[in-house]
C-alpha cells in the first residue's frame, strides 16, 4: 500500500475555481482519458488499488475534491455538488481534455450525475463524457439508507459529531459497510483517518454530508440524467452494502432502460478497495463492448 507521502509526491496542487486542489495524473496522455471521482469521506486514494492497472489502458486523472484529502478544506462555505462539478470542469479545461470517461463512487456518483446533466442540457463549455461507470452510491435518494453517523452529521449537533469523531468510530463504521468477507484492513482505516485529519478535515464533515439533502432537492435533474442518458452507463456494485447495495441495484434495474449491471455478491460499499481485480475486470469488460 502506497504511503501518503509518496502519493502526495506523485501529484500536484493546482488552483481550480479559486481553491487549492490536489490532483494526480498517470498513463499515456494520448490514450483515452478516464476521470476517477471518489466518495465521502475519503479521497482519490480510494482508487490506489486500481491505479497501476488502469494507467496501462487510459490517461487516468483524478483529484481530491474540495473538503477532502489533501485539498483545501474551507470552513466558511456551503459545499455544493455543483461546486465540485465546477472544479472538475476547470480541471479538465486545465488539461485541455475534450472528451473523457468517468468511473465514480459514492459522493462521486452524484457529481458525475451533475456533469452528465450539464451535458444533456447542452453545455458547450465542458468536455464531452463518453461513458460513465458508477460504483456503490446514492444514485436514487429514495433508496439511500444512511448509517447512524450520517444521520447524526446531518442533525443540529452535526458539528459536534465532526469535532469528536475518532479513528475507532471510523473503523467501526467501515466494518459495517464493507462486505463480511472483505473487512477493511488496519492500513485502510489508518490511511482514511490520516487523510481526514489533513487540513483539519473533521471540521467540515458535517458540511460535506449535506450532499444527502442536495440529492433530494435535485432528484429530478440527477436521476433524470441517467434515465435519459444517450451514452453508455454501467453499474458495478457490491451487493452487501447496507447503504446502497442490493436494494439500490434492484431499483436501478427498474428505472434505467437496458440496465448494464455487474453485481459483486460478496462485496460491500467500497468494492474498489475490497476487491480491485473484480472491479477492474468488470470495468474493462464494459469498455471493451462500447
Protein backbone atom coordinates (compact mmCIF):
# COMPACT_ATOMS: atom_id res chain seq x y z
CA UNK A 1 0.00 0.00 0.00
CA UNK A 2 1.42 3.37 -1.02
CA UNK A 3 2.46 5.77 1.73
CA UNK A 4 0.54 9.03 1.76
CA UNK A 5 3.79 10.97 1.48
CA UNK A 6 4.63 9.05 -1.71
CA UNK A 7 1.13 9.56 -3.06
CA UNK A 8 1.33 13.29 -2.46
CA UNK A 9 4.72 13.39 -4.19
CA UNK A 10 3.17 11.78 -7.29
CA UNK A 11 0.55 14.51 -7.61
CA UNK A 12 0.48 18.27 -7.58
CA UNK A 13 -1.59 21.14 -6.28
CA UNK A 14 -3.48 23.24 -8.79
CA UNK A 15 -5.68 26.26 -8.22
CA UNK A 16 -9.09 25.33 -9.58
CA UNK A 17 -12.13 27.57 -9.31
CA UNK A 18 -10.23 29.61 -6.74
CA UNK A 19 -9.24 26.70 -4.46
CA UNK A 20 -6.03 24.75 -3.86
CA UNK A 21 -6.80 21.25 -5.13
CA UNK A 22 -4.62 18.13 -5.06
CA UNK A 23 -4.53 16.44 -8.47
CA UNK A 24 -2.93 13.35 -9.93
CA UNK A 25 -2.33 12.18 -13.49
CA UNK A 26 -0.94 8.95 -14.94
CA UNK A 27 -0.73 6.85 -18.07
CA UNK A 28 -0.17 7.85 -21.68
CA UNK A 29 -1.67 11.28 -22.44
CA UNK A 30 -2.58 10.01 -25.92
CA UNK A 31 -4.76 7.22 -24.50
CA UNK A 32 -8.47 7.77 -23.77
CA UNK A 33 -8.91 9.86 -20.64
CA UNK A 34 -10.52 8.28 -17.57
CA UNK A 35 -11.61 10.55 -14.73
CA UNK A 36 -11.88 8.92 -11.29
CA UNK A 37 -14.29 10.61 -8.85
CA UNK A 38 -14.02 9.50 -5.23
CA UNK A 39 -16.56 9.26 -2.40
CA UNK A 40 -17.27 10.53 1.12
CA UNK A 41 -15.45 10.92 3.48
CA UNK A 42 -12.29 9.75 1.76
CA UNK A 43 -10.22 10.98 -1.19
CA UNK A 44 -8.69 9.99 -4.51
CA UNK A 45 -6.56 7.48 -2.58
CA UNK A 46 -9.65 5.24 -2.85
CA UNK A 47 -8.51 4.38 -6.39
CA UNK A 48 -4.97 3.40 -5.46
CA UNK A 49 -5.52 -0.36 -5.85
CA UNK A 50 -6.78 0.19 -9.41
CA UNK A 51 -4.27 2.82 -10.46
CA UNK A 52 -1.39 0.75 -11.86
CA UNK A 53 -3.75 -1.40 -13.93
CA UNK A 54 -5.85 1.47 -15.27
CA UNK A 55 -2.88 3.51 -16.45
CA UNK A 56 -1.97 0.63 -18.78
CA UNK A 57 -5.10 1.44 -20.80
CA UNK A 58 -6.01 5.04 -20.03
CA UNK A 59 -4.78 8.52 -19.39
CA UNK A 60 -6.03 8.50 -15.81
CA UNK A 61 -6.77 11.72 -13.96
CA UNK A 62 -8.19 12.37 -10.53
CA UNK A 63 -8.26 14.86 -7.68
CA UNK A 64 -9.22 15.23 -4.05
CA UNK A 65 -12.44 17.19 -4.05
CA UNK A 66 -12.79 20.41 -2.10
CA UNK A 67 -13.03 19.48 1.58
CA UNK A 68 -11.39 16.07 1.08
CA UNK A 69 -7.93 14.52 1.28
CA UNK A 70 -5.00 16.84 0.61
CA UNK A 71 -7.14 19.57 -0.93
CA UNK A 72 -8.20 22.82 0.70
CA UNK A 73 -10.96 22.45 3.33
CA UNK A 74 -12.51 25.87 3.91
CA UNK A 75 -14.83 26.10 6.91
CA UNK A 76 -16.89 29.09 5.78
CA UNK A 77 -18.52 27.84 2.56
CA UNK A 78 -21.50 25.75 1.54
CA UNK A 79 -20.27 22.52 -0.03
CA UNK A 80 -22.40 22.06 -3.11
CA UNK A 81 -22.27 19.21 -5.61
CA UNK A 82 -22.47 21.87 -8.32
CA UNK A 83 -19.30 23.48 -6.92
CA UNK A 84 -17.46 20.16 -7.04
CA UNK A 85 -18.62 19.72 -10.64
CA UNK A 86 -17.31 23.21 -11.44
CA UNK A 87 -13.91 22.19 -10.05
CA UNK A 88 -13.80 19.05 -12.19
CA UNK A 89 -14.76 21.06 -15.25
CA UNK A 90 -11.95 23.51 -14.52
CA UNK A 91 -9.55 20.59 -14.07
CA UNK A 92 -10.49 19.15 -17.47
CA UNK A 93 -10.05 22.57 -19.06
CA UNK A 94 -6.62 22.96 -17.47
CA UNK A 95 -5.54 19.65 -19.01
CA UNK A 96 -7.10 20.50 -22.40
CA UNK A 97 -9.31 17.41 -22.22
CA UNK A 98 -12.05 17.41 -24.88
CA UNK A 99 -13.63 14.02 -24.10
CA UNK A 100 -13.36 11.51 -21.29
CA UNK A 101 -14.82 8.54 -19.43
CA UNK A 102 -15.91 8.58 -15.77
CA UNK A 103 -15.52 5.97 -13.04
CA UNK A 104 -17.23 7.23 -9.87
CA UNK A 105 -18.09 6.07 -6.36
CA UNK A 106 -20.50 7.21 -3.63
CA UNK A 107 -20.47 11.04 -3.35
CA UNK A 108 -18.65 10.97 -6.68
CA UNK A 109 -21.66 9.31 -8.30
CA UNK A 110 -23.69 12.42 -7.59
CA UNK A 111 -21.00 14.70 -9.01
CA UNK A 112 -20.94 12.52 -12.14
CA UNK A 113 -24.73 12.82 -12.40
CA UNK A 114 -24.44 16.61 -12.31
CA UNK A 115 -21.74 16.59 -15.01
CA UNK A 116 -23.96 14.33 -17.12
CA UNK A 117 -26.96 16.61 -16.56
CA UNK A 118 -24.93 19.55 -17.85
CA UNK A 119 -24.07 17.58 -20.96
CA UNK A 120 -27.74 16.74 -21.53
CA UNK A 121 -28.52 20.43 -21.03
CA UNK A 122 -26.24 21.15 -23.98
CA UNK A 123 -23.47 22.88 -22.02
CA UNK A 124 -20.89 23.55 -24.72
CA UNK A 125 -18.32 24.80 -22.22
CA UNK A 126 -17.46 21.38 -20.84
CA UNK A 127 -15.64 18.33 -22.19
CA UNK A 128 -17.75 15.52 -23.60
CA UNK A 129 -18.44 12.48 -21.41
CA UNK A 130 -18.10 9.29 -23.48
CA UNK A 131 -19.24 6.83 -20.80
CA UNK A 132 -19.93 6.58 -17.08
CA UNK A 133 -19.44 3.69 -14.69
CA UNK A 134 -20.93 4.03 -11.21
CA UNK A 135 -19.87 2.08 -8.14
CA UNK A 136 -21.99 1.90 -4.97
CA UNK A 137 -23.60 5.24 -4.19
CA UNK A 138 -26.84 7.11 -3.62
CA UNK A 139 -27.96 7.34 -7.22
CA UNK A 140 -31.57 7.49 -6.01
CA UNK A 141 -32.38 9.39 -2.80
CA UNK A 142 -35.36 7.12 -2.22
CA UNK A 143 -33.12 4.04 -1.89
CA UNK A 144 -30.25 5.63 0.06
CA UNK A 145 -30.08 4.21 3.59
CA UNK A 146 -27.74 6.42 5.63
CA UNK A 147 -25.96 4.86 8.59
CA UNK A 148 -26.33 6.41 12.05
CA UNK A 149 -23.20 8.55 11.80
CA UNK A 150 -24.52 10.15 8.61
CA UNK A 151 -27.83 10.92 10.26
CA UNK A 152 -26.07 12.49 13.23
CA UNK A 153 -23.83 14.59 11.00
CA UNK A 154 -26.94 15.92 9.26
CA UNK A 155 -28.55 16.82 12.58
CA UNK A 156 -28.23 20.12 14.50
CA UNK A 157 -25.39 18.55 16.52
CA UNK A 158 -23.50 17.58 13.40
CA UNK A 159 -20.66 19.99 14.15
CA UNK A 160 -20.10 18.23 17.49
CA UNK A 161 -20.15 14.80 15.85
CA UNK A 162 -17.49 16.06 13.43
CA UNK A 163 -15.36 17.58 16.17
CA UNK A 164 -15.35 14.49 18.34
CA UNK A 165 -15.04 11.83 15.66
CA UNK A 166 -12.29 9.27 16.26
CA UNK A 167 -10.39 6.65 14.29
CA UNK A 168 -12.14 3.96 16.34
CA UNK A 169 -15.55 5.25 15.26
CA UNK A 170 -14.41 5.44 11.64
CA UNK A 171 -13.17 1.85 11.84
CA UNK A 172 -16.47 0.68 13.32
CA UNK A 173 -18.47 2.33 10.55
CA UNK A 174 -16.21 0.99 7.80
CA UNK A 175 -16.62 -2.53 9.17
CA UNK A 176 -20.39 -2.08 8.96
CA UNK A 177 -20.38 -1.13 5.29
CA UNK A 178 -17.65 -3.40 3.88
CA UNK A 179 -18.53 -6.94 2.82
CA UNK A 180 -18.44 -9.56 5.58
CA UNK A 181 -15.63 -11.47 3.88
CA UNK A 182 -13.67 -8.34 2.90
CA UNK A 183 -13.38 -6.17 6.05
CA UNK A 184 -11.19 -3.06 5.95
CA UNK A 185 -7.59 -3.69 6.94
CA UNK A 186 -5.84 -1.69 9.63
CA UNK A 187 -3.88 0.04 6.87
CA UNK A 188 -7.09 1.14 5.13
CA UNK A 189 -8.53 2.56 8.34
CA UNK A 190 -5.26 4.29 9.24
CA UNK A 191 -4.94 5.83 5.78
CA UNK A 192 -8.52 7.10 5.56
CA UNK A 193 -8.22 8.55 9.06
CA UNK A 194 -4.92 10.28 8.21
CA UNK A 195 -6.50 11.83 5.09
CA UNK A 196 -9.42 13.05 7.18
CA UNK A 197 -7.05 14.80 9.59
CA UNK A 198 -5.22 16.72 6.84
CA UNK A 199 -6.13 20.42 6.99
CA UNK A 200 -8.49 19.71 9.92
CA UNK A 201 -10.93 17.79 7.76
CA UNK A 202 -13.09 16.78 10.71
CA UNK A 203 -14.23 20.40 10.95
CA UNK A 204 -16.09 20.18 7.62
CA UNK A 205 -17.52 16.65 7.72
CA UNK A 206 -20.93 17.94 8.80
CA UNK A 207 -20.89 20.45 5.94
CA UNK A 208 -19.95 17.89 3.30
CA UNK A 209 -22.68 15.48 4.39
CA UNK A 210 -25.35 17.83 3.06
CA UNK A 211 -24.91 16.18 -0.31
CA UNK A 212 -27.65 13.90 1.01
CA UNK A 213 -30.19 16.73 1.17
CA UNK A 214 -28.96 18.07 -2.17
CA UNK A 215 -29.80 14.71 -3.73
CA UNK A 216 -33.39 15.09 -2.57
CA UNK A 217 -33.63 18.65 -3.84
CA UNK A 218 -32.18 17.75 -7.23
CA UNK A 219 -33.66 14.30 -7.71
CA UNK A 220 -35.47 15.10 -10.96
CA UNK A 221 -32.30 16.52 -12.51
CA UNK A 222 -29.81 13.90 -11.33
CA UNK A 223 -31.93 10.77 -11.64
CA UNK A 224 -33.30 12.10 -14.93
CA UNK A 225 -29.75 12.42 -16.23
CA UNK A 226 -29.04 8.69 -16.00
CA UNK A 227 -32.50 7.71 -17.21
CA UNK A 228 -32.24 9.96 -20.27
CA UNK A 229 -28.53 9.49 -20.98
CA UNK A 230 -27.51 8.77 -24.55
CA UNK A 231 -24.07 7.50 -23.60
CA UNK A 232 -23.14 4.04 -22.26
CA UNK A 233 -23.68 3.73 -18.50
CA UNK A 234 -22.62 0.87 -16.25
CA UNK A 235 -23.22 0.00 -12.60
CA UNK A 236 -20.74 -2.16 -10.70
CA UNK A 237 -21.95 -2.66 -7.16
CA UNK A 238 -21.21 -4.61 -4.02
CA UNK A 239 -24.43 -6.38 -3.04
CA UNK A 240 -23.71 -6.47 0.72
CA UNK A 241 -23.54 -2.69 1.05
CA UNK A 242 -26.21 -1.63 3.62
CA UNK A 243 -26.24 1.93 2.26
CA UNK A 244 -26.60 1.34 -1.46
CA UNK A 245 -26.36 -2.38 -2.10
CA UNK A 246 -28.94 -4.97 -3.19
CA UNK A 247 -31.93 -2.67 -2.69
CA UNK A 248 -30.35 0.10 -4.79
CA UNK A 249 -29.35 -2.36 -7.52
CA UNK A 250 -32.93 -3.64 -7.74
CA UNK A 251 -34.25 -0.08 -8.06
CA UNK A 252 -31.60 0.73 -10.68
CA UNK A 253 -32.74 -2.20 -12.83
CA UNK A 254 -36.34 -0.99 -12.61
CA UNK A 255 -35.67 2.63 -13.55
CA UNK A 256 -32.77 2.52 -16.01
CA UNK A 257 -33.55 1.34 -19.56
CA UNK A 258 -31.47 -1.69 -20.62
CA UNK A 259 -29.56 -1.55 -17.33
CA UNK A 260 -25.97 -2.76 -17.58
CA UNK A 261 -25.16 -4.09 -14.10
CA UNK A 262 -22.45 -6.24 -12.55
CA UNK A 263 -23.36 -7.43 -9.06
CA UNK A 264 -20.43 -8.32 -6.80
CA UNK A 265 -22.11 -10.68 -4.36
CA UNK A 266 -19.52 -10.75 -1.57
CA UNK A 267 -18.58 -7.06 -1.56
CA UNK A 268 -19.90 -4.02 0.25
CA UNK A 269 -19.78 -0.26 -0.13
CA UNK A 270 -16.13 0.09 -1.25
CA UNK A 271 -15.75 -2.55 -3.99
CA UNK A 272 -12.66 -0.88 -5.46
CA UNK A 273 -10.86 -1.30 -2.12
CA UNK A 274 -12.38 -4.65 -1.16
CA UNK A 275 -11.61 -6.43 -4.46
CA UNK A 276 -9.84 -4.26 -7.00
CA UNK A 277 -9.46 -7.10 -9.50
CA UNK A 278 -13.20 -7.74 -9.65
CA UNK A 279 -13.87 -4.07 -10.34
CA UNK A 280 -11.10 -3.84 -12.95
CA UNK A 281 -12.37 -6.93 -14.77
CA UNK A 282 -15.97 -5.68 -14.85
CA UNK A 283 -14.91 -2.20 -15.93
CA UNK A 284 -12.63 -3.34 -18.74
CA UNK A 285 -15.33 -5.71 -20.00
CA UNK A 286 -17.74 -2.76 -20.13
CA UNK A 287 -15.24 -0.66 -22.05
CA UNK A 288 -14.41 -3.49 -24.46
CA UNK A 289 -18.04 -3.67 -25.50
CA UNK A 290 -18.55 0.05 -26.13
